[in-house]
PDB file of N, CA and C in Angstrom:
ATOM      1  N   MET A   1     -19.856   5.673  -1.938  1.00  0.00           N
ATOM      2  CA  MET A   1     -18.481   5.568  -1.846  1.00  0.00           C
ATOM      3  C   MET A   1     -18.023   4.227  -2.425  1.00  0.00           C
ATOM      4  N   LYS A   2     -16.846   4.269  -3.237  1.00  0.00           N
ATOM      5  CA  LYS A   2     -16.340   3.112  -3.905  1.00  0.00           C
ATOM      6  C   LYS A   2     -15.454   2.254  -3.013  1.00  0.00           C
ATOM      7  N   GLU A   3     -15.465   0.869  -3.229  1.00  0.00           N
ATOM      8  CA  GLU A   3     -14.501   0.193  -2.494  1.00  0.00           C
ATOM      9  C   GLU A   3     -13.137   0.343  -3.228  1.00  0.00           C
ATOM     10  N   VAL A   4     -12.092   0.209  -2.504  1.00  0.00           N
ATOM     11  CA  VAL A   4     -10.677   0.207  -3.157  1.00  0.00           C
ATOM     12  C   VAL A   4      -9.866  -1.018  -2.935  1.00  0.00           C
ATOM     13  N   LYS A   5      -9.493  -1.625  -3.952  1.00  0.00           N
ATOM     14  CA  LYS A   5      -8.759  -2.902  -3.955  1.00  0.00           C
ATOM     15  C   LYS A   5      -7.254  -2.574  -3.671  1.00  0.00           C
ATOM     16  N   ILE A   6      -6.643  -3.175  -2.728  1.00  0.00           N
ATOM     17  CA  ILE A   6      -5.242  -3.023  -2.322  1.00  0.00           C
ATOM     18  C   ILE A   6      -4.524  -4.291  -2.517  1.00  0.00           C
ATOM     19  N   THR A   7      -3.703  -4.352  -3.549  1.00  0.00           N
ATOM     20  CA  THR A   7      -2.952  -5.585  -3.915  1.00  0.00           C
ATOM     21  C   THR A   7      -1.454  -5.516  -3.569  1.00  0.00           C
ATOM     22  N   VAL A   8      -0.847  -6.469  -2.854  1.00  0.00           N
ATOM     23  CA  VAL A   8       0.565  -6.444  -2.578  1.00  0.00           C
ATOM     24  C   VAL A   8       1.106  -6.934  -3.883  1.00  0.00           C
ATOM     25  N   MET A   9       1.945  -5.990  -4.499  1.00  0.00           N
ATOM     26  CA  MET A   9       2.525  -6.273  -5.777  1.00  0.00           C
ATOM     27  C   MET A   9       4.058  -6.855  -5.633  1.00  0.00           C
ATOM     28  N   ARG A  10       4.790  -6.147  -4.740  1.00  0.00           N
ATOM     29  CA  ARG A  10       6.226  -6.585  -4.567  1.00  0.00           C
ATOM     30  C   ARG A  10       6.711  -6.334  -3.237  1.00  0.00           C
ATOM     31  N   ILE A  11       7.505  -7.237  -2.752  1.00  0.00           N
ATOM     32  CA  ILE A  11       8.099  -7.002  -1.335  1.00  0.00           C
ATOM     33  C   ILE A  11       9.698  -7.087  -1.629  1.00  0.00           C
ATOM     34  N   ALA A  12      10.293  -5.956  -1.257  1.00  0.00           N
ATOM     35  CA  ALA A  12      11.873  -6.024  -1.430  1.00  0.00           C
ATOM     36  C   ALA A  12      12.391  -6.319  -0.034  1.00  0.00           C
ATOM     37  N   ARG A  13      13.617  -6.710   0.033  1.00  0.00           N
ATOM     38  CA  ARG A  13      14.320  -6.857   1.256  1.00  0.00           C
ATOM     39  C   ARG A  13      15.748  -6.615   1.154  1.00  0.00           C
ATOM     40  N   TYR A  14      16.224  -5.686   1.929  1.00  0.00           N
ATOM     41  CA  TYR A  14      17.654  -5.324   1.903  1.00  0.00           C
ATOM     42  C   TYR A  14      18.422  -5.815   3.123  1.00  0.00           C
ATOM     43  N   ASP A  15      18.908  -7.062   2.886  1.00  0.00           N
ATOM     44  CA  ASP A  15      19.603  -7.663   4.009  1.00  0.00           C
ATOM     45  C   ASP A  15      20.748  -7.046   4.438  1.00  0.00           C
ATOM     46  N   ASP A  16      21.548  -6.331   3.649  1.00  0.00           N
ATOM     47  CA  ASP A  16      22.818  -5.623   4.046  1.00  0.00           C
ATOM     48  C   ASP A  16      22.399  -4.525   4.957  1.00  0.00           C
ATOM     49  N   LEU A  17      21.362  -3.727   4.770  1.00  0.00           N
ATOM     50  CA  LEU A  17      20.896  -2.634   5.527  1.00  0.00           C
ATOM     51  C   LEU A  17      20.265  -3.250   6.877  1.00  0.00           C
ATOM     52  N   ILE A  18      19.533  -4.346   6.808  1.00  0.00           N
ATOM     53  CA  ILE A  18      18.961  -4.927   8.012  1.00  0.00           C
ATOM     54  C   ILE A  18      20.172  -5.272   8.979  1.00  0.00           C
ATOM     55  N   GLU A  19      21.111  -5.959   8.479  1.00  0.00           N
ATOM     56  CA  GLU A  19      22.258  -6.432   9.256  1.00  0.00           C
ATOM     57  C   GLU A  19      23.002  -5.352   9.880  1.00  0.00           C
ATOM     58  N   ARG A  20      23.151  -4.248   9.158  1.00  0.00           N
ATOM     59  CA  ARG A  20      23.999  -3.031   9.626  1.00  0.00           C
ATOM     60  C   ARG A  20      23.179  -2.193  10.566  1.00  0.00           C
ATOM     61  N   TYR A  21      21.866  -2.026  10.381  1.00  0.00           N
ATOM     62  CA  TYR A  21      21.205  -1.031  11.152  1.00  0.00           C
ATOM     63  C   TYR A  21      19.974  -1.381  11.983  1.00  0.00           C
ATOM     64  N   GLU A  22      19.382  -2.478  11.649  1.00  0.00           N
ATOM     65  CA  GLU A  22      18.066  -2.829  12.299  1.00  0.00           C
ATOM     66  C   GLU A  22      18.279  -3.741  13.532  1.00  0.00           C
ATOM     67  N   ARG A  23      17.493  -3.409  14.567  1.00  0.00           N
ATOM     68  CA  ARG A  23      17.394  -4.337  15.728  1.00  0.00           C
ATOM     69  C   ARG A  23      16.417  -5.464  15.207  1.00  0.00           C
ATOM     70  N   PRO A  24      16.692  -6.697  15.446  1.00  0.00           N
ATOM     71  CA  PRO A  24      15.846  -7.854  14.989  1.00  0.00           C
ATOM     72  C   PRO A  24      14.337  -7.597  15.365  1.00  0.00           C
ATOM     73  N   LEU A  25      13.536  -7.772  14.426  1.00  0.00           N
ATOM     74  CA  LEU A  25      12.106  -7.760  14.625  1.00  0.00           C
ATOM     75  C   LEU A  25      11.540  -9.099  14.297  1.00  0.00           C
ATOM     76  N   ILE A  26      10.609  -9.649  15.241  1.00  0.00           N
ATOM     77  CA  ILE A  26       9.988 -10.935  14.904  1.00  0.00           C
ATOM     78  C   ILE A  26       9.008 -10.870  13.882  1.00  0.00           C
ATOM     79  N   HIS A  27       8.031  -9.914  13.789  1.00  0.00           N
ATOM     80  CA  HIS A  27       7.101  -9.833  12.839  1.00  0.00           C
ATOM     81  C   HIS A  27       7.117  -8.390  12.110  1.00  0.00           C
ATOM     82  N   ALA A  28       8.197  -8.147  11.361  1.00  0.00           N
ATOM     83  CA  ALA A  28       8.388  -6.949  10.676  1.00  0.00           C
ATOM     84  C   ALA A  28       7.272  -6.673   9.703  1.00  0.00           C
ATOM     85  N   CYS A  29       7.036  -7.759   8.902  1.00  0.00           N
ATOM     86  CA  CYS A  29       6.066  -7.581   7.753  1.00  0.00           C
ATOM     87  C   CYS A  29       5.411  -8.990   7.533  1.00  0.00           C
ATOM     88  N   ASP A  30       4.193  -9.107   7.570  1.00  0.00           N
ATOM     89  CA  ASP A  30       3.550 -10.334   7.371  1.00  0.00           C
ATOM     90  C   ASP A  30       2.764 -10.465   5.938  1.00  0.00           C
ATOM     91  N   MET A  31       3.057  -9.441   5.126  1.00  0.00           N
ATOM     92  CA  MET A  31       2.352  -9.328   3.873  1.00  0.00           C
ATOM     93  C   MET A  31       3.045 -10.344   2.872  1.00  0.00           C
ATOM     94  N   GLU A  32       2.152 -10.892   1.824  1.00  0.00           N
ATOM     95  CA  GLU A  32       2.702 -11.772   0.889  1.00  0.00           C
ATOM     96  C   GLU A  32       2.223 -11.147  -0.500  1.00  0.00           C
ATOM     97  N   GLU A  33       3.211 -11.328  -1.459  1.00  0.00           N
ATOM     98  CA  GLU A  33       2.891 -10.928  -2.735  1.00  0.00           C
ATOM     99  C   GLU A  33       1.607 -11.548  -3.362  1.00  0.00           C
ATOM    100  N   GLY A  34       0.813 -10.793  -3.945  1.00  0.00           N
ATOM    101  CA  GLY A  34      -0.552 -11.269  -4.452  1.00  0.00           C
ATOM    102  C   GLY A  34      -1.633 -11.068  -3.464  1.00  0.00           C
ATOM    103  N   GLN A  35      -1.269 -10.876  -2.225  1.00  0.00           N
ATOM    104  CA  GLN A  35      -2.385 -10.706  -1.164  1.00  0.00           C
ATOM    105  C   GLN A  35      -3.133  -9.492  -1.456  1.00  0.00           C
ATOM    106  N   VAL A  36      -4.522  -9.660  -1.278  1.00  0.00           N
ATOM    107  CA  VAL A  36      -5.480  -8.554  -1.596  1.00  0.00           C
ATOM    108  C   VAL A  36      -6.315  -8.256  -0.383  1.00  0.00           C
ATOM    109  N   PHE A  37      -6.482  -6.917  -0.257  1.00  0.00           N
ATOM    110  CA  PHE A  37      -7.288  -6.332   0.818  1.00  0.00           C
ATOM    111  C   PHE A  37      -8.340  -5.390   0.167  1.00  0.00           C
ATOM    112  N   ILE A  38      -9.445  -5.206   0.764  1.00  0.00           N
ATOM    113  CA  ILE A  38     -10.466  -4.314   0.209  1.00  0.00           C
ATOM    114  C   ILE A  38     -10.757  -3.345   1.341  1.00  0.00           C
ATOM    115  N   SER A  39     -10.591  -2.092   0.917  1.00  0.00           N
ATOM    116  CA  SER A  39     -10.958  -0.918   1.744  1.00  0.00           C
ATOM    117  C   SER A  39     -12.403  -0.545   1.459  1.00  0.00           C
ATOM    118  N   LYS A  40     -13.276  -0.491   2.497  1.00  0.00           N
ATOM    119  CA  LYS A  40     -14.704  -0.121   2.401  1.00  0.00           C
ATOM    120  C   LYS A  40     -14.883   1.139   3.124  1.00  0.00           C
ATOM    121  N   ASP A  41     -15.514   2.097   2.427  1.00  0.00           N
ATOM    122  CA  ASP A  41     -15.854   3.545   3.004  1.00  0.00           C
ATOM    123  C   ASP A  41     -14.543   4.200   3.356  1.00  0.00           C
ATOM    124  N   GLY A  42     -13.456   3.888   2.615  1.00  0.00           N
ATOM    125  CA  GLY A  42     -12.207   4.667   2.894  1.00  0.00           C
ATOM    126  C   GLY A  42     -11.423   4.159   4.084  1.00  0.00           C
ATOM    127  N   CYS A  43     -11.799   3.119   4.742  1.00  0.00           N
ATOM    128  CA  CYS A  43     -11.182   2.644   6.048  1.00  0.00           C
ATOM    129  C   CYS A  43     -10.218   1.656   5.827  1.00  0.00           C
ATOM    130  N   ARG A  44      -9.258   1.469   6.720  1.00  0.00           N
ATOM    131  CA  ARG A  44      -8.213   0.474   6.824  1.00  0.00           C
ATOM    132  C   ARG A  44      -8.847  -0.912   6.837  1.00  0.00           C
ATOM    133  N   PRO A  45      -8.466  -1.748   6.019  1.00  0.00           N
ATOM    134  CA  PRO A  45      -9.009  -3.084   5.995  1.00  0.00           C
ATOM    135  C   PRO A  45      -8.514  -3.840   7.283  1.00  0.00           C
ATOM    136  N   GLU A  46      -9.332  -4.695   7.797  1.00  0.00           N
ATOM    137  CA  GLU A  46      -8.965  -5.510   8.927  1.00  0.00           C
ATOM    138  C   GLU A  46      -7.714  -6.277   8.677  1.00  0.00           C
ATOM    139  N   GLY A  47      -6.826  -6.282   9.692  1.00  0.00           N
ATOM    140  CA  GLY A  47      -5.439  -6.937   9.526  1.00  0.00           C
ATOM    141  C   GLY A  47      -4.484  -6.254   8.721  1.00  0.00           C
ATOM    142  N   PHE A  48      -4.677  -5.105   8.074  1.00  0.00           N
ATOM    143  CA  PHE A  48      -3.805  -4.479   7.294  1.00  0.00           C
ATOM    144  C   PHE A  48      -2.784  -3.618   8.123  1.00  0.00           C
ATOM    145  N   CYS A  49      -1.558  -3.651   7.646  1.00  0.00           N
ATOM    146  CA  CYS A  49      -0.426  -2.956   8.422  1.00  0.00           C
ATOM    147  C   CYS A  49      -0.762  -1.451   8.713  1.00  0.00           C
ATOM    148  N   GLU A  50      -0.730  -1.111   9.856  1.00  0.00           N
ATOM    149  CA  GLU A  50      -0.983   0.338  10.314  1.00  0.00           C
ATOM    150  C   GLU A  50       0.041   1.323   9.641  1.00  0.00           C
ATOM    151  N   SER A  51       1.246   0.886   9.690  1.00  0.00           N
ATOM    152  CA  SER A  51       2.344   1.789   9.032  1.00  0.00           C
ATOM    153  C   SER A  51       2.109   1.945   7.583  1.00  0.00           C
ATOM    154  N   ALA A  52       1.864   0.892   6.830  1.00  0.00           N
ATOM    155  CA  ALA A  52       1.526   1.038   5.490  1.00  0.00           C
ATOM    156  C   ALA A  52       0.270   1.944   5.134  1.00  0.00           C
ATOM    157  N   TRP A  53      -0.733   1.688   6.064  1.00  0.00           N
ATOM    158  CA  TRP A  53      -1.964   2.368   5.979  1.00  0.00           C
ATOM    159  C   TRP A  53      -1.709   3.944   6.055  1.00  0.00           C
ATOM    160  N   GLY A  54      -0.856   4.310   6.987  1.00  0.00           N
ATOM    161  CA  GLY A  54      -0.511   5.724   7.195  1.00  0.00           C
ATOM    162  C   GLY A  54      -0.010   6.384   5.979  1.00  0.00           C
ATOM    163  N   VAL A  55       0.725   5.652   5.140  1.00  0.00           N
ATOM    164  CA  VAL A  55       1.235   6.203   3.876  1.00  0.00           C
ATOM    165  C   VAL A  55       0.293   6.267   2.825  1.00  0.00           C
ATOM    166  N   MET A  56      -0.635   5.436   2.764  1.00  0.00           N
ATOM    167  CA  MET A  56      -1.579   5.207   1.532  1.00  0.00           C
ATOM    168  C   MET A  56      -3.058   5.803   1.879  1.00  0.00           C
ATOM    169  N   GLU A  57      -3.254   6.108   3.086  1.00  0.00           N
ATOM    170  CA  GLU A  57      -4.711   6.446   3.504  1.00  0.00           C
ATOM    171  C   GLU A  57      -5.247   7.533   2.642  1.00  0.00           C
ATOM    172  N   SER A  58      -4.501   8.578   2.395  1.00  0.00           N
ATOM    173  CA  SER A  58      -5.070   9.789   1.668  1.00  0.00           C
ATOM    174  C   SER A  58      -5.439   9.338   0.152  1.00  0.00           C
ATOM    175  N   PHE A  59      -4.581   8.473  -0.332  1.00  0.00           N
ATOM    176  CA  PHE A  59      -4.758   8.025  -1.780  1.00  0.00           C
ATOM    177  C   PHE A  59      -6.010   7.143  -1.810  1.00  0.00           C
ATOM    178  N   VAL A  60      -6.176   6.200  -0.815  1.00  0.00           N
ATOM    179  CA  VAL A  60      -7.364   5.371  -0.674  1.00  0.00           C
ATOM    180  C   VAL A  60      -8.585   6.132  -0.633  1.00  0.00           C
ATOM    181  N   ARG A  61      -8.541   7.180   0.280  1.00  0.00           N
ATOM    182  CA  ARG A  61      -9.832   7.999   0.472  1.00  0.00           C
ATOM    183  C   ARG A  61     -10.193   8.674  -0.702  1.00  0.00           C
ATOM    184  N   GLU A  62      -9.234   9.318  -1.430  1.00  0.00           N
ATOM    185  CA  GLU A  62      -9.465   9.863  -2.662  1.00  0.00           C
ATOM    186  C   GLU A  62     -10.132   9.119  -3.660  1.00  0.00           C
ATOM    187  N   LEU A  63      -9.613   7.784  -3.844  1.00  0.00           N
ATOM    188  CA  LEU A  63     -10.239   6.937  -4.747  1.00  0.00           C
ATOM    189  C   LEU A  63     -11.615   6.511  -4.320  1.00  0.00           C
ATOM    190  N   ALA A  64     -11.788   6.280  -3.044  1.00  0.00           N
ATOM    191  CA  ALA A  64     -13.140   5.893  -2.544  1.00  0.00           C
ATOM    192  C   ALA A  64     -14.123   6.930  -2.735  1.00  0.00           C
ATOM    193  N   PHE A  65     -13.762   8.241  -2.750  1.00  0.00           N
ATOM    194  CA  PHE A  65     -14.692   9.227  -3.067  1.00  0.00           C
ATOM    195  C   PHE A  65     -14.733   9.654  -4.510  1.00  0.00           C
ATOM    196  N   GLY A  66     -14.270   8.762  -5.371  1.00  0.00           N
ATOM    197  CA  GLY A  66     -14.357   8.920  -6.897  1.00  0.00           C
ATOM    198  C   GLY A  66     -13.229   9.845  -7.397  1.00  0.00           C
ATOM    199  N   GLY A  67     -12.311  10.197  -6.704  1.00  0.00           N
ATOM    200  CA  GLY A  67     -11.166  10.960  -7.272  1.00  0.00           C
ATOM    201  C   GLY A  67     -10.122   9.996  -8.030  1.00  0.00           C
ATOM    202  N   GLY A  68      -9.122  10.693  -8.386  1.00  0.00           N
ATOM    203  CA  GLY A  68      -8.078  10.072  -9.117  1.00  0.00           C
ATOM    204  C   GLY A  68      -7.133  11.018  -9.824  1.00  0.00           C
ATOM    205  N   TYR A  69      -6.604  10.694 -10.867  1.00  0.00           N
ATOM    206  CA  TYR A  69      -5.702  11.603 -11.644  1.00  0.00           C
ATOM    207  C   TYR A  69      -4.620  12.160 -10.726  1.00  0.00           C
ATOM    208  N   PHE A  70      -3.948  11.331  -9.999  1.00  0.00           N
ATOM    209  CA  PHE A  70      -2.835  11.830  -9.160  1.00  0.00           C
ATOM    210  C   PHE A  70      -1.642  12.329  -9.928  1.00  0.00           C
ATOM    211  N   TYR A  71      -1.049  13.320  -9.594  1.00  0.00           N
ATOM    212  CA  TYR A  71       0.132  13.833 -10.256  1.00  0.00           C
ATOM    213  C   TYR A  71      -0.019  13.931 -11.722  1.00  0.00           C
ATOM    214  N   GLU A  72      -1.057  14.480 -12.190  1.00  0.00           N
ATOM    215  CA  GLU A  72      -1.377  14.692 -13.630  1.00  0.00           C
ATOM    216  C   GLU A  72      -1.487  13.326 -14.330  1.00  0.00           C
ATOM    217  N   ASP A  73      -0.573  12.850 -15.115  1.00  0.00           N
ATOM    218  CA  ASP A  73      -0.599  11.720 -15.869  1.00  0.00           C
ATOM    219  C   ASP A  73       0.190  10.552 -15.445  1.00  0.00           C
ATOM    220  N   TRP A  74       0.235  10.381 -14.088  1.00  0.00           N
ATOM    221  CA  TRP A  74       1.165   9.449 -13.426  1.00  0.00           C
ATOM    222  C   TRP A  74       0.885   7.960 -13.764  1.00  0.00           C
ATOM    223  N   MET A  75      -0.438   7.635 -13.584  1.00  0.00           N
ATOM    224  CA  MET A  75      -0.755   6.163 -13.883  1.00  0.00           C
ATOM    225  C   MET A  75      -1.583   6.020 -15.112  1.00  0.00           C
ATOM    226  N   LYS A  76      -1.424   4.872 -15.756  1.00  0.00           N
ATOM    227  CA  LYS A  76      -2.197   4.599 -16.986  1.00  0.00           C
ATOM    228  C   LYS A  76      -3.573   4.642 -16.705  1.00  0.00           C
ATOM    229  N   ASP A  77      -3.950   4.057 -15.631  1.00  0.00           N
ATOM    230  CA  ASP A  77      -5.420   4.123 -15.092  1.00  0.00           C
ATOM    231  C   ASP A  77      -5.462   5.060 -14.062  1.00  0.00           C
ATOM    232  N   PRO A  78      -6.077   6.228 -14.385  1.00  0.00           N
ATOM    233  CA  PRO A  78      -6.198   7.393 -13.523  1.00  0.00           C
ATOM    234  C   PRO A  78      -6.844   7.154 -12.103  1.00  0.00           C
ATOM    235  N   PHE A  79      -7.575   6.058 -12.054  1.00  0.00           N
ATOM    236  CA  PHE A  79      -8.198   5.724 -10.840  1.00  0.00           C
ATOM    237  C   PHE A  79      -7.591   4.651 -10.118  1.00  0.00           C
ATOM    238  N   SER A  80      -6.223   4.783 -10.072  1.00  0.00           N
ATOM    239  CA  SER A  80      -5.221   3.821  -9.417  1.00  0.00           C
ATOM    240  C   SER A  80      -4.086   4.588  -8.989  1.00  0.00           C
ATOM    241  N   ALA A  81      -3.391   3.838  -8.082  1.00  0.00           N
ATOM    242  CA  ALA A  81      -2.071   4.472  -7.582  1.00  0.00           C
ATOM    243  C   ALA A  81      -1.046   3.267  -7.182  1.00  0.00           C
ATOM    244  N   MET A  82       0.135   3.407  -7.464  1.00  0.00           N
ATOM    245  CA  MET A  82       1.202   2.563  -6.966  1.00  0.00           C
ATOM    246  C   MET A  82       1.930   3.183  -5.738  1.00  0.00           C
ATOM    247  N   ILE A  83       1.696   2.652  -4.521  1.00  0.00           N
ATOM    248  CA  ILE A  83       2.102   3.280  -3.288  1.00  0.00           C
ATOM    249  C   ILE A  83       3.061   2.208  -2.524  1.00  0.00           C
ATOM    250  N   SER A  84       4.127   2.678  -2.018  1.00  0.00           N
ATOM    251  CA  SER A  84       5.029   1.859  -1.219  1.00  0.00           C
ATOM    252  C   SER A  84       5.039   2.235   0.213  1.00  0.00           C
ATOM    253  N   CYS A  85       5.147   1.299   1.140  1.00  0.00           N
ATOM    254  CA  CYS A  85       5.211   1.543   2.531  1.00  0.00           C
ATOM    255  C   CYS A  85       6.587   2.283   2.900  1.00  0.00           C
ATOM    256  N   ASN A  86       6.663   2.729   3.991  1.00  0.00           N
ATOM    257  CA  ASN A  86       7.847   3.443   4.362  1.00  0.00           C
ATOM    258  C   ASN A  86       8.891   2.679   5.149  1.00  0.00           C
ATOM    259  N   ASP A  87       8.963   1.325   5.107  1.00  0.00           N
ATOM    260  CA  ASP A  87       9.958   0.526   5.678  1.00  0.00           C
ATOM    261  C   ASP A  87      11.196   0.503   4.766  1.00  0.00           C
ATOM    262  N   GLY A  88      12.167   1.087   5.206  1.00  0.00           N
ATOM    263  CA  GLY A  88      13.399   1.226   4.441  1.00  0.00           C
ATOM    264  C   GLY A  88      14.196  -0.080   4.256  1.00  0.00           C
ATOM    265  N   PHE A  89      13.839  -1.100   5.147  1.00  0.00           N
ATOM    266  CA  PHE A  89      14.592  -2.378   5.076  1.00  0.00           C
ATOM    267  C   PHE A  89      13.815  -3.331   4.287  1.00  0.00           C
ATOM    268  N   ARG A  90      12.551  -3.289   4.204  1.00  0.00           N
ATOM    269  CA  ARG A  90      11.701  -4.283   3.369  1.00  0.00           C
ATOM    270  C   ARG A  90      10.417  -3.616   2.872  1.00  0.00           C
ATOM    271  N   PRO A  91      10.725  -2.606   1.877  1.00  0.00           N
ATOM    272  CA  PRO A  91       9.500  -1.879   1.443  1.00  0.00           C
ATOM    273  C   PRO A  91       8.514  -2.818   0.637  1.00  0.00           C
ATOM    274  N   VAL A  92       7.340  -2.443   0.725  1.00  0.00           N
ATOM    275  CA  VAL A  92       6.283  -3.203   0.074  1.00  0.00           C
ATOM    276  C   VAL A  92       5.552  -2.295  -0.916  1.00  0.00           C
ATOM    277  N   SER A  93       5.310  -2.706  -2.120  1.00  0.00           N
ATOM    278  CA  SER A  93       4.641  -1.885  -3.094  1.00  0.00           C
ATOM    279  C   SER A  93       3.259  -2.417  -3.238  1.00  0.00           C
ATOM    280  N   PHE A  94       2.217  -1.514  -3.203  1.00  0.00           N
ATOM    281  CA  PHE A  94       0.841  -1.728  -3.285  1.00  0.00           C
ATOM    282  C   PHE A  94       0.263  -1.126  -4.480  1.00  0.00           C
ATOM    283  N   LEU A  95      -0.654  -1.817  -5.117  1.00  0.00           N
ATOM    284  CA  LEU A  95      -1.478  -1.251  -6.252  1.00  0.00           C
ATOM    285  C   LEU A  95      -2.828  -1.027  -5.644  1.00  0.00           C
ATOM    286  N   LEU A  96      -3.273   0.332  -5.758  1.00  0.00           N
ATOM    287  CA  LEU A  96      -4.550   0.742  -5.214  1.00  0.00           C
ATOM    288  C   LEU A  96      -5.427   0.908  -6.519  1.00  0.00           C
ATOM    289  N   GLU A  97      -6.589   0.361  -6.598  1.00  0.00           N
ATOM    290  CA  GLU A  97      -7.556   0.517  -7.618  1.00  0.00           C
ATOM    291  C   GLU A  97      -8.924   0.717  -7.115  1.00  0.00           C
ATOM    292  N   ALA A  98      -9.573   1.689  -7.538  1.00  0.00           N
ATOM    293  CA  ALA A  98     -10.911   1.981  -7.264  1.00  0.00           C
ATOM    294  C   ALA A  98     -11.966   1.017  -8.046  1.00  0.00           C
ATOM    295  N   ALA A  99     -12.880   0.653  -7.329  1.00  0.00           N
ATOM    296  CA  ALA A  99     -13.911  -0.318  -8.037  1.00  0.00           C
ATOM    297  C   ALA A  99     -14.509   0.456  -9.145  1.00  0.00           C
ATOM    298  N   LYS A 100     -14.733  -0.359 -10.251  1.00  0.00           N
ATOM    299  CA  LYS A 100     -15.387   0.222 -11.340  1.00  0.00           C
ATOM    300  C   LYS A 100     -16.864   0.269 -11.279  1.00  0.00           C
TER     301      LYS A 100
END
């Protein structure tokens, strides 16, 4: 089984939506751009956001088992994926890459 590198590529923040709809959260997201996590055996890395993992777990496991080619010709590297968490106030984009 391959390791999968998970890199935080971009963190967006929609303050207007936060102000209008969200109840204040102390630690909504502790990710930082450029931060790297390694998934071993298709498992969630220690300290990785459970909510974000729920969105990407199937992609990570597919890559860990040697799969790829998601949605036909979606990614230039077929053994990678660009996945975003489901936080509508501060979405985080992650690049998933299978070890070569």
